[in-house]
Every structure is written in structure tokens, then in C-alpha cells.
Amino acid sequence: MKLNAFCEMMESIAPKELALSFDNVGLLIGPDHDEIQKVLVALDLTVPVAQEAIDGEYDLVLTHHPIFWDPVKSILPDTYETAAAYLLIRHGIGHFAAHTNLDACAGGVNDVLAKLLSLENVRPLPPENLGRIGTLSLPIKFKSFAALCESKLSARVRFVGDADRIVRTVAVVGGSGGSDVEAVSFAGCDAFVTGEMKHDQALLAEHLGLCCCVMGHYETEFPVLKPLITRLQREENDVQYYLSHTGCAPLRSL
């Protein structure tokens, strides 16, 4: 597959126009060749992921999070901001990122998260439409729903709210969704599942009577990678896609 054909395919899956204004998506590092046959898929482009791409002779690394957030004035092998990029550039490997556009698109991060939690009647969460709102088939106590989140995401829950409250309508925002607390409450949701929430955002949720499950940034976004690989493989079988085995959550529990 030609590089421009890969970029067009990703654009059809996660259009750039869906990305938020602060974001940096698309082809961020061009490979030194035009033919793409092998793609490594990860949540983040870290040095171990870059080395995995080198060792596996990959043509491109596809990640959810972009490697560059702010302009850089130098690309050095020993600085956090550019070490992984340096490795890829040196070995002619490209980097493509689909971030908030993958959050918002059909079949993206939040659709996968909603499906994982068995939500029904799923619709976008206004105003940005990155998140999703859905309903449980049967109302359950919040503590039971929190246990479901732990089981489905293989992660420990930190929660806000009354454990015995009955919940039915749920919002999900993978990654850092704490700033959406007010929007979720205004949308009439009983519970909110996200990856990260600041202290003041948790206090606001408590004040609004909104039950929240905070499951971890990595843990709420990682589930999209396998379905994305399946979709890409179905679209273009001449390219082989592999899930990184070195990418992992930076925050862990003992």
C-alpha cells in the first residue's frame, strides 16, 4: 500500500475535521519510503515502542496519542520530547497519530468503551461530541456498575458518589474527561466513566450528585486498538498490522 493511500484510509476512519483545535493528528513523521507493508499499533510512541518498530522492521507506527504536542526546536536522542522521534527518523520509520478524531469518530475510542460496558441507545455527548451517552438494559446500583467497569476494563476503580444509587443512563469519555463533568450532569446522566479526574472536578461531581468511575487514562483508551487493527486489516489486507507488546500503562498498582 502506498503511504498516501494509508493516510486516506485513516482519514476515512477518523477524519481530521473531528479533531479538537489543540490537537496534532495525521502523518507526523514521514517514512523514508513510500510503500507501507507493516504497521505497529500502540497508544503512545515511547522509546520502547520505537525500538520495537526498529527491531521488527516496521514501516510505520500508528498511535492514538501524537508524539508532538508543542513545537520543538531540536530533535535529540536523549530528551524526553524527541528521543522516540529521533529513533524513527534515523531508521526511516514513519509515525501517524489519530487522537481526538479517533475519540469522536464512529467505532472510535468512546464507541468501543460504550460497547464494552454494554450500553444501549448510544449517542454523542454534547457539546464536543467526543464522548458517548447510553443506557444500561436494566437499572443497577452504582456499586454493581463500578464492579462491572473493573471487570470489563481490568482496572481498579476510584469512584465519586453514592454506592447504593440506582443508575441507568451512563456517559463515557475515554482518557482525560474530568472537564466534562458538568456537561454529563446537564445531559441527565446518572453515572460517568472516564480515565482521569482532577480533585476539583470530583468535588463538582459530588456536588451535582453525579456518580463517577475513574478507571485510568490508558485503561479507557487501550480497548480501541484491537478493533482498530481488525478494521484496518479488513480494509487493506496487503498491509499487516500488529499490536505493540512493549506499550503499557505508565501508572500501575502493586
C-alpha atoms as a PDB file:
ATOM      1  CA  MET A   1       0.000   0.000   0.000  1.00  0.00           C
ATOM      2  CA  LYS A   2       1.241   3.469  -0.823  1.00  0.00           C
ATOM      3  CA  LEU A   3       1.692   5.916   2.046  1.00  0.00           C
ATOM      4  CA  ASN A   4      -0.882   8.363   0.669  1.00  0.00           C
ATOM      5  CA  ALA A   5      -3.420   5.522   0.395  1.00  0.00           C
ATOM      6  CA  PHE A   6      -2.840   4.648   4.057  1.00  0.00           C
ATOM      7  CA  CYS A   7      -3.340   8.284   5.060  1.00  0.00           C
ATOM      8  CA  GLU A   8      -6.552   8.446   3.014  1.00  0.00           C
ATOM      9  CA  MET A   9      -7.809   5.268   4.668  1.00  0.00           C
ATOM     10  CA  MET A  10      -7.154   6.688   8.150  1.00  0.00           C
ATOM     11  CA  GLU A  11      -8.870   9.917   7.112  1.00  0.00           C
ATOM     12  CA  SER A  12     -11.964   7.912   6.126  1.00  0.00           C
ATOM     13  CA  ILE A  13     -11.974   6.196   9.539  1.00  0.00           C
ATOM     14  CA  ALA A  14     -11.094   9.180  11.744  1.00  0.00           C
ATOM     15  CA  PRO A  15     -11.475  12.430   9.756  1.00  0.00           C
ATOM     16  CA  LYS A  16      -9.150  15.253  10.818  1.00  0.00           C
ATOM     17  CA  GLU A  17     -12.107  17.633  10.969  1.00  0.00           C
ATOM     18  CA  LEU A  18     -13.329  15.765  14.072  1.00  0.00           C
ATOM     19  CA  ALA A  19     -10.145  16.593  15.993  1.00  0.00           C
ATOM     20  CA  LEU A  20     -10.210  19.391  18.571  1.00  0.00           C
ATOM     21  CA  SER A  21      -8.367  22.608  17.734  1.00  0.00           C
ATOM     22  CA  PHE A  22      -5.436  21.944  20.096  1.00  0.00           C
ATOM     23  CA  ASP A  23      -4.715  18.531  18.617  1.00  0.00           C
ATOM     24  CA  ASN A  24      -1.915  17.359  16.332  1.00  0.00           C
ATOM     25  CA  VAL A  25      -3.046  14.451  14.170  1.00  0.00           C
ATOM     26  CA  GLY A  26      -2.171  12.790  10.889  1.00  0.00           C
ATOM     27  CA  LEU A  27       1.249  11.954   9.474  1.00  0.00           C
ATOM     28  CA  LEU A  28       3.745  13.467  11.936  1.00  0.00           C
ATOM     29  CA  ILE A  29       6.915  11.706  10.742  1.00  0.00           C
ATOM     30  CA  GLY A  30       7.240  10.656   7.135  1.00  0.00           C
ATOM     31  CA  PRO A  31       8.974   7.327   6.423  1.00  0.00           C
ATOM     32  CA  ASP A  32      11.898   7.361   4.002  1.00  0.00           C
ATOM     33  CA  HIS A  33       9.992   5.150   1.563  1.00  0.00           C
ATOM     34  CA  ASP A  34       6.531   5.217   0.008  1.00  0.00           C
ATOM     35  CA  GLU A  35       5.489   1.572   0.322  1.00  0.00           C
ATOM     36  CA  ILE A  36       3.759   0.554   3.574  1.00  0.00           C
ATOM     37  CA  GLN A  37       3.644  -3.164   4.350  1.00  0.00           C
ATOM     38  CA  LYS A  38       3.935  -3.456   8.125  1.00  0.00           C
ATOM     39  CA  VAL A  39       2.392  -1.162  10.787  1.00  0.00           C
ATOM     40  CA  LEU A  40       2.907  -1.240  14.562  1.00  0.00           C
ATOM     41  CA  VAL A  41      -0.104  -0.016  16.595  1.00  0.00           C
ATOM     42  CA  ALA A  42       0.207   1.438  20.105  1.00  0.00           C
ATOM     43  CA  LEU A  43      -1.401   4.000  22.365  1.00  0.00           C
ATOM     44  CA  ASP A  44       1.828   6.021  22.773  1.00  0.00           C
ATOM     45  CA  LEU A  45       5.039   6.419  20.831  1.00  0.00           C
ATOM     46  CA  THR A  46       7.623   5.771  23.534  1.00  0.00           C
ATOM     47  CA  VAL A  47      11.278   4.813  23.161  1.00  0.00           C
ATOM     48  CA  PRO A  48      10.494   1.098  23.765  1.00  0.00           C
ATOM     49  CA  VAL A  49       7.749   1.231  21.103  1.00  0.00           C
ATOM     50  CA  ALA A  50      10.124   2.964  18.668  1.00  0.00           C
ATOM     51  CA  GLN A  51      12.771   0.301  19.341  1.00  0.00           C
ATOM     52  CA  GLU A  52      10.169  -2.415  18.806  1.00  0.00           C
ATOM     53  CA  ALA A  53       9.371  -0.847  15.433  1.00  0.00           C
ATOM     54  CA  ILE A  54      13.072  -0.848  14.522  1.00  0.00           C
ATOM     55  CA  ASP A  55      13.644  -4.434  15.640  1.00  0.00           C
ATOM     56  CA  GLY A  56      10.529  -5.634  13.803  1.00  0.00           C
ATOM     57  CA  GLU A  57      11.394  -3.727  10.620  1.00  0.00           C
ATOM     58  CA  TYR A  58       8.117  -1.812  10.577  1.00  0.00           C
ATOM     59  CA  ASP A  59       7.350   0.889   8.037  1.00  0.00           C
ATOM     60  CA  LEU A  60       5.063   2.967  10.259  1.00  0.00           C
ATOM     61  CA  VAL A  61       3.931   3.370  13.861  1.00  0.00           C
ATOM     62  CA  LEU A  62       0.242   4.217  14.314  1.00  0.00           C
ATOM     63  CA  THR A  63      -0.642   5.650  17.735  1.00  0.00           C
ATOM     64  CA  HIS A  64      -3.567   7.265  19.464  1.00  0.00           C
ATOM     65  CA  HIS A  65      -1.517   9.965  21.186  1.00  0.00           C
ATOM     66  CA  PRO A  66       0.634  12.192  18.960  1.00  0.00           C
ATOM     67  CA  ILE A  67       4.319  12.435  19.784  1.00  0.00           C
ATOM     68  CA  PHE A  68       4.472  16.206  19.257  1.00  0.00           C
ATOM     69  CA  TRP A  69       2.159  18.495  21.253  1.00  0.00           C
ATOM     70  CA  ASP A  70       4.234  21.668  21.137  1.00  0.00           C
ATOM     71  CA  PRO A  71       6.777  22.922  18.605  1.00  0.00           C
ATOM     72  CA  VAL A  72      10.296  21.569  19.159  1.00  0.00           C
ATOM     73  CA  LYS A  73      13.493  23.450  18.370  1.00  0.00           C
ATOM     74  CA  SER A  74      15.756  20.418  18.204  1.00  0.00           C
ATOM     75  CA  ILE A  75      15.465  16.650  17.776  1.00  0.00           C
ATOM     76  CA  LEU A  76      17.912  14.923  20.107  1.00  0.00           C
ATOM     77  CA  PRO A  77      18.374  11.264  21.069  1.00  0.00           C
ATOM     78  CA  ASP A  78      18.407  11.864  24.817  1.00  0.00           C
ATOM     79  CA  THR A  79      15.491  14.242  25.515  1.00  0.00           C
ATOM     80  CA  TYR A  80      12.030  13.012  26.507  1.00  0.00           C
ATOM     81  CA  GLU A  81      10.201  15.047  23.850  1.00  0.00           C
ATOM     82  CA  THR A  82      12.209  13.789  20.875  1.00  0.00           C
ATOM     83  CA  ALA A  83      14.042  10.560  21.766  1.00  0.00           C
ATOM     84  CA  ALA A  84      11.441   8.266  20.172  1.00  0.00           C
ATOM     85  CA  ALA A  85      11.109  10.506  17.124  1.00  0.00           C
ATOM     86  CA  TYR A  86      14.898  10.526  16.729  1.00  0.00           C
ATOM     87  CA  LEU A  87      14.957   6.721  16.592  1.00  0.00           C
ATOM     88  CA  LEU A  88      12.203   6.526  13.982  1.00  0.00           C
ATOM     89  CA  ILE A  89      13.722   9.221  11.784  1.00  0.00           C
ATOM     90  CA  ARG A  90      17.161   7.617  11.968  1.00  0.00           C
ATOM     91  CA  HIS A  91      15.713   4.314  10.758  1.00  0.00           C
ATOM     92  CA  GLY A  92      13.325   5.738   8.158  1.00  0.00           C
ATOM     93  CA  ILE A  93      10.135   4.750  10.008  1.00  0.00           C
ATOM     94  CA  GLY A  94       7.019   6.941   9.947  1.00  0.00           C
ATOM     95  CA  HIS A  95       4.571   7.980  12.652  1.00  0.00           C
ATOM     96  CA  PHE A  96       0.837   8.592  12.232  1.00  0.00           C
ATOM     97  CA  ALA A  97      -1.476   9.721  15.055  1.00  0.00           C
ATOM     98  CA  ALA A  98      -5.266   9.658  15.366  1.00  0.00           C
ATOM     99  CA  HIS A  99      -6.240  11.272  18.669  1.00  0.00           C
ATOM    100  CA  THR A 100      -9.398  13.283  19.414  1.00  0.00           C
ATOM    101  CA  ASN A 101     -10.634  12.452  15.920  1.00  0.00           C
ATOM    102  CA  LEU A 102     -10.434   8.772  16.906  1.00  0.00           C
ATOM    103  CA  ASP A 103     -12.239   9.619  20.158  1.00  0.00           C
ATOM    104  CA  ALA A 104     -15.117  11.201  18.253  1.00  0.00           C
ATOM    105  CA  CYS A 105     -15.470   9.022  15.147  1.00  0.00           C
ATOM    106  CA  ALA A 106     -17.891   6.160  14.677  1.00  0.00           C
ATOM    107  CA  GLY A 107     -16.327   2.990  16.044  1.00  0.00           C
ATOM    108  CA  GLY A 108     -13.666   5.004  17.851  1.00  0.00           C
ATOM    109  CA  VAL A 109     -12.467   5.139  21.455  1.00  0.00           C
ATOM    110  CA  ASN A 110     -15.786   6.042  23.045  1.00  0.00           C
ATOM    111  CA  ASP A 111     -17.990   3.810  20.910  1.00  0.00           C
ATOM    112  CA  VAL A 112     -15.735   0.887  21.851  1.00  0.00           C
ATOM    113  CA  LEU A 113     -15.885   1.888  25.528  1.00  0.00           C
ATOM    114  CA  ALA A 114     -19.687   2.137  25.411  1.00  0.00           C
ATOM    115  CA  LYS A 115     -19.929  -1.273  23.746  1.00  0.00           C
ATOM    116  CA  LEU A 116     -17.578  -2.812  26.306  1.00  0.00           C
ATOM    117  CA  LEU A 117     -19.906  -1.634  29.087  1.00  0.00           C
ATOM    118  CA  SER A 118     -22.972  -2.952  27.196  1.00  0.00           C
ATOM    119  CA  LEU A 119     -24.585   0.469  26.818  1.00  0.00           C
ATOM    120  CA  GLU A 120     -27.628   0.720  24.556  1.00  0.00           C
ATOM    121  CA  ASN A 121     -29.129   3.591  22.546  1.00  0.00           C
ATOM    122  CA  VAL A 122     -25.692   5.174  22.317  1.00  0.00           C
ATOM    123  CA  ARG A 123     -25.450   8.792  21.150  1.00  0.00           C
ATOM    124  CA  PRO A 124     -22.831  11.578  21.198  1.00  0.00           C
ATOM    125  CA  LEU A 125     -22.256  13.599  24.365  1.00  0.00           C
ATOM    126  CA  PRO A 126     -22.695  17.316  23.627  1.00  0.00           C
ATOM    127  CA  PRO A 127     -21.247  19.856  23.124  1.00  0.00           C
ATOM    128  CA  GLU A 128     -17.999  18.462  21.651  1.00  0.00           C
ATOM    129  CA  ASN A 129     -19.435  15.051  20.708  1.00  0.00           C
ATOM    130  CA  LEU A 130     -16.262  13.219  21.695  1.00  0.00           C
ATOM    131  CA  GLY A 131     -17.920  11.184  24.439  1.00  0.00           C
ATOM    132  CA  ARG A 132     -20.968   8.959  24.337  1.00  0.00           C
ATOM    133  CA  ILE A 133     -24.182   8.579  26.341  1.00  0.00           C
ATOM    134  CA  GLY A 134     -26.074   5.300  26.593  1.00  0.00           C
ATOM    135  CA  THR A 135     -28.361   3.307  28.833  1.00  0.00           C
ATOM    136  CA  LEU A 136     -27.992   0.051  30.714  1.00  0.00           C
ATOM    137  CA  SER A 137     -30.506  -2.645  29.819  1.00  0.00           C
ATOM    138  CA  LEU A 138     -31.605  -2.720  33.467  1.00  0.00           C
ATOM    139  CA  PRO A 139     -31.062  -0.183  36.258  1.00  0.00           C
ATOM    140  CA  ILE A 140     -28.465  -1.331  38.803  1.00  0.00           C
ATOM    141  CA  LYS A 141     -26.832   0.012  41.936  1.00  0.00           C
ATOM    142  CA  PHE A 142     -23.789   2.162  41.303  1.00  0.00           C
ATOM    143  CA  LYS A 143     -21.531  -0.201  43.255  1.00  0.00           C
ATOM    144  CA  SER A 144     -22.539  -3.025  40.909  1.00  0.00           C
ATOM    145  CA  PHE A 145     -21.875  -0.828  37.898  1.00  0.00           C
ATOM    146  CA  ALA A 146     -18.460   0.125  39.299  1.00  0.00           C
ATOM    147  CA  ALA A 147     -17.647  -3.580  39.688  1.00  0.00           C
ATOM    148  CA  LEU A 148     -18.689  -4.106  36.059  1.00  0.00           C
ATOM    149  CA  CYS A 149     -16.270  -1.355  34.991  1.00  0.00           C
ATOM    150  CA  GLU A 150     -13.447  -3.018  36.909  1.00  0.00           C
ATOM    151  CA  SER A 151     -14.180  -6.364  35.281  1.00  0.00           C
ATOM    152  CA  LYS A 152     -14.524  -5.082  31.715  1.00  0.00           C
ATOM    153  CA  LEU A 153     -11.526  -2.743  31.826  1.00  0.00           C
ATOM    154  CA  SER A 154      -9.288  -4.930  34.014  1.00  0.00           C
ATOM    155  CA  ALA A 155      -8.584  -1.889  36.148  1.00  0.00           C
ATOM    156  CA  ARG A 156      -9.169  -0.665  39.668  1.00  0.00           C
ATOM    157  CA  VAL A 157     -11.928   1.892  40.083  1.00  0.00           C
ATOM    158  CA  ARG A 158     -11.807   5.119  42.059  1.00  0.00           C
ATOM    159  CA  PHE A 159     -15.286   6.488  42.429  1.00  0.00           C
ATOM    160  CA  VAL A 160     -17.365   9.502  43.385  1.00  0.00           C
ATOM    161  CA  GLY A 161     -20.954   9.208  44.556  1.00  0.00           C
ATOM    162  CA  ASP A 162     -23.447   7.106  46.476  1.00  0.00           C
ATOM    163  CA  ALA A 163     -22.607   3.417  46.080  1.00  0.00           C
ATOM    164  CA  ASP A 164     -26.282   2.476  46.502  1.00  0.00           C
ATOM    165  CA  ARG A 165     -27.684   4.925  43.983  1.00  0.00           C
ATOM    166  CA  ILE A 166     -29.589   3.331  41.102  1.00  0.00           C
ATOM    167  CA  VAL A 167     -28.029   4.166  37.737  1.00  0.00           C
ATOM    168  CA  ARG A 168     -29.417   3.696  34.232  1.00  0.00           C
ATOM    169  CA  THR A 169     -28.059   6.463  31.975  1.00  0.00           C
ATOM    170  CA  VAL A 170     -24.271   6.498  31.613  1.00  0.00           C
ATOM    171  CA  ALA A 171     -21.755   8.754  29.853  1.00  0.00           C
ATOM    172  CA  VAL A 172     -18.273   7.631  28.811  1.00  0.00           C
ATOM    173  CA  VAL A 173     -15.233   9.705  27.861  1.00  0.00           C
ATOM    174  CA  GLY A 174     -12.032   7.760  27.399  1.00  0.00           C
ATOM    175  CA  GLY A 175      -8.827   9.359  28.656  1.00  0.00           C
ATOM    176  CA  SER A 176      -8.964  12.684  30.462  1.00  0.00           C
ATOM    177  CA  GLY A 177     -12.672  13.501  30.721  1.00  0.00           C
ATOM    178  CA  GLY A 178     -12.914  15.247  34.076  1.00  0.00           C
ATOM    179  CA  SER A 179     -13.663  18.593  32.435  1.00  0.00           C
ATOM    180  CA  ASP A 180     -16.895  17.098  31.059  1.00  0.00           C
ATOM    181  CA  VAL A 181     -18.483  16.555  34.499  1.00  0.00           C
ATOM    182  CA  GLU A 182     -20.861  19.485  34.156  1.00  0.00           C
ATOM    183  CA  ALA A 183     -21.863  18.551  30.593  1.00  0.00           C
ATOM    184  CA  VAL A 184     -22.519  14.961  31.663  1.00  0.00           C
ATOM    185  CA  SER A 185     -24.692  16.097  34.569  1.00  0.00           C
ATOM    186  CA  PHE A 186     -26.557  18.580  32.353  1.00  0.00           C
ATOM    187  CA  ALA A 187     -27.242  15.745  29.878  1.00  0.00           C
ATOM    188  CA  GLY A 188     -29.164  13.922  32.632  1.00  0.00           C
ATOM    189  CA  CYS A 189     -26.736  11.063  33.218  1.00  0.00           C
ATOM    190  CA  ASP A 190     -26.701   9.054  36.447  1.00  0.00           C
ATOM    191  CA  ALA A 191     -23.098   7.874  36.082  1.00  0.00           C
ATOM    192  CA  PHE A 192     -19.923   8.861  34.264  1.00  0.00           C
ATOM    193  CA  VAL A 193     -16.961   6.681  33.280  1.00  0.00           C
ATOM    194  CA  THR A 194     -13.666   8.326  32.371  1.00  0.00           C
ATOM    195  CA  GLY A 195      -9.936   7.856  32.733  1.00  0.00           C
ATOM    196  CA  GLU A 196      -8.830  10.899  34.705  1.00  0.00           C
ATOM    197  CA  MET A 197     -10.472  13.445  37.004  1.00  0.00           C
ATOM    198  CA  LYS A 198      -8.928  16.294  38.981  1.00  0.00           C
ATOM    199  CA  HIS A 199      -9.750  16.903  42.646  1.00  0.00           C
ATOM    200  CA  ASP A 200     -11.934  19.947  41.973  1.00  0.00           C
ATOM    201  CA  GLN A 201     -13.763  18.097  39.201  1.00  0.00           C
ATOM    202  CA  ALA A 202     -14.524  15.232  41.597  1.00  0.00           C
ATOM    203  CA  LEU A 203     -15.850  17.749  44.142  1.00  0.00           C
ATOM    204  CA  LEU A 204     -18.079  19.254  41.456  1.00  0.00           C
ATOM    205  CA  ALA A 205     -19.399  15.809  40.508  1.00  0.00           C
ATOM    206  CA  GLU A 206     -20.174  15.128  44.162  1.00  0.00           C
ATOM    207  CA  HIS A 207     -21.996  18.453  44.431  1.00  0.00           C
ATOM    208  CA  LEU A 208     -24.027  17.686  41.307  1.00  0.00           C
ATOM    209  CA  GLY A 209     -24.933  14.218  42.561  1.00  0.00           C
ATOM    210  CA  LEU A 210     -23.163  12.539  39.639  1.00  0.00           C
ATOM    211  CA  CYS A 211     -21.684   9.083  40.252  1.00  0.00           C
ATOM    212  CA  CYS A 212     -18.277   8.707  38.591  1.00  0.00           C
ATOM    213  CA  CYS A 213     -15.936   5.808  37.894  1.00  0.00           C
ATOM    214  CA  VAL A 214     -12.338   6.925  37.295  1.00  0.00           C
ATOM    215  CA  MET A 215     -10.612   3.996  35.600  1.00  0.00           C
ATOM    216  CA  GLY A 216      -7.269   5.275  34.293  1.00  0.00           C
ATOM    217  CA  HIS A 217      -6.324   7.139  31.115  1.00  0.00           C
ATOM    218  CA  TYR A 218      -4.566   4.220  29.438  1.00  0.00           C
ATOM    219  CA  GLU A 219      -7.174   1.699  30.571  1.00  0.00           C
ATOM    220  CA  THR A 220     -10.108   3.577  28.998  1.00  0.00           C
ATOM    221  CA  GLU A 221      -8.374   4.172  25.653  1.00  0.00           C
ATOM    222  CA  PHE A 222      -6.427   0.950  25.089  1.00  0.00           C
ATOM    223  CA  PRO A 223      -9.560  -1.112  24.217  1.00  0.00           C
ATOM    224  CA  VAL A 224      -9.927   0.697  20.870  1.00  0.00           C
ATOM    225  CA  LEU A 225      -6.642  -0.649  19.480  1.00  0.00           C
ATOM    226  CA  LYS A 226      -7.670  -4.230  18.687  1.00  0.00           C
ATOM    227  CA  PRO A 227     -10.939  -3.231  16.936  1.00  0.00           C
ATOM    228  CA  LEU A 228      -8.998  -0.591  15.007  1.00  0.00           C
ATOM    229  CA  ILE A 229      -6.485  -3.202  13.855  1.00  0.00           C
ATOM    230  CA  THR A 230      -9.317  -5.518  12.808  1.00  0.00           C
ATOM    231  CA  ARG A 231     -10.935  -2.706  10.824  1.00  0.00           C
ATOM    232  CA  LEU A 232      -7.697  -1.688   9.127  1.00  0.00           C
ATOM    233  CA  GLN A 233      -6.828  -5.289   8.284  1.00  0.00           C
ATOM    234  CA  ARG A 234     -10.251  -5.730   6.726  1.00  0.00           C
ATOM    235  CA  GLU A 235      -9.836  -2.567   4.649  1.00  0.00           C
ATOM    236  CA  GLU A 236      -6.373  -3.441   3.307  1.00  0.00           C
ATOM    237  CA  ASN A 237      -5.093  -6.989   3.593  1.00  0.00           C
ATOM    238  CA  ASP A 238      -1.806  -6.243   1.810  1.00  0.00           C
ATOM    239  CA  VAL A 239      -0.632  -4.416   4.960  1.00  0.00           C
ATOM    240  CA  GLN A 240      -0.046  -6.307   8.195  1.00  0.00           C
ATOM    241  CA  TYR A 241      -0.959  -4.604  11.482  1.00  0.00           C
ATOM    242  CA  TYR A 242       0.423  -5.675  14.850  1.00  0.00           C
ATOM    243  CA  LEU A 243      -0.388  -4.577  18.391  1.00  0.00           C
ATOM    244  CA  SER A 244       2.695  -3.402  20.270  1.00  0.00           C
ATOM    245  CA  HIS A 245       3.869  -5.697  23.056  1.00  0.00           C
ATOM    246  CA  THR A 246       6.063  -3.027  24.661  1.00  0.00           C
ATOM    247  CA  GLY A 247       3.394  -0.324  25.051  1.00  0.00           C
ATOM    248  CA  CYS A 248       1.929  -0.330  28.571  1.00  0.00           C
ATOM    249  CA  ALA A 249       0.227   1.885  31.130  1.00  0.00           C
ATOM    250  CA  PRO A 250       2.765   4.167  32.862  1.00  0.00           C
ATOM    251  CA  LEU A 251       0.698   4.134  36.075  1.00  0.00           C
ATOM    252  CA  ARG A 252       0.309   0.723  37.687  1.00  0.00           C
ATOM    253  CA  SER A 253      -0.752  -0.800  41.011  1.00  0.00           C
ATOM    254  CA  LEU A 254       1.204  -3.185  43.197  1.00  0.00           C
END
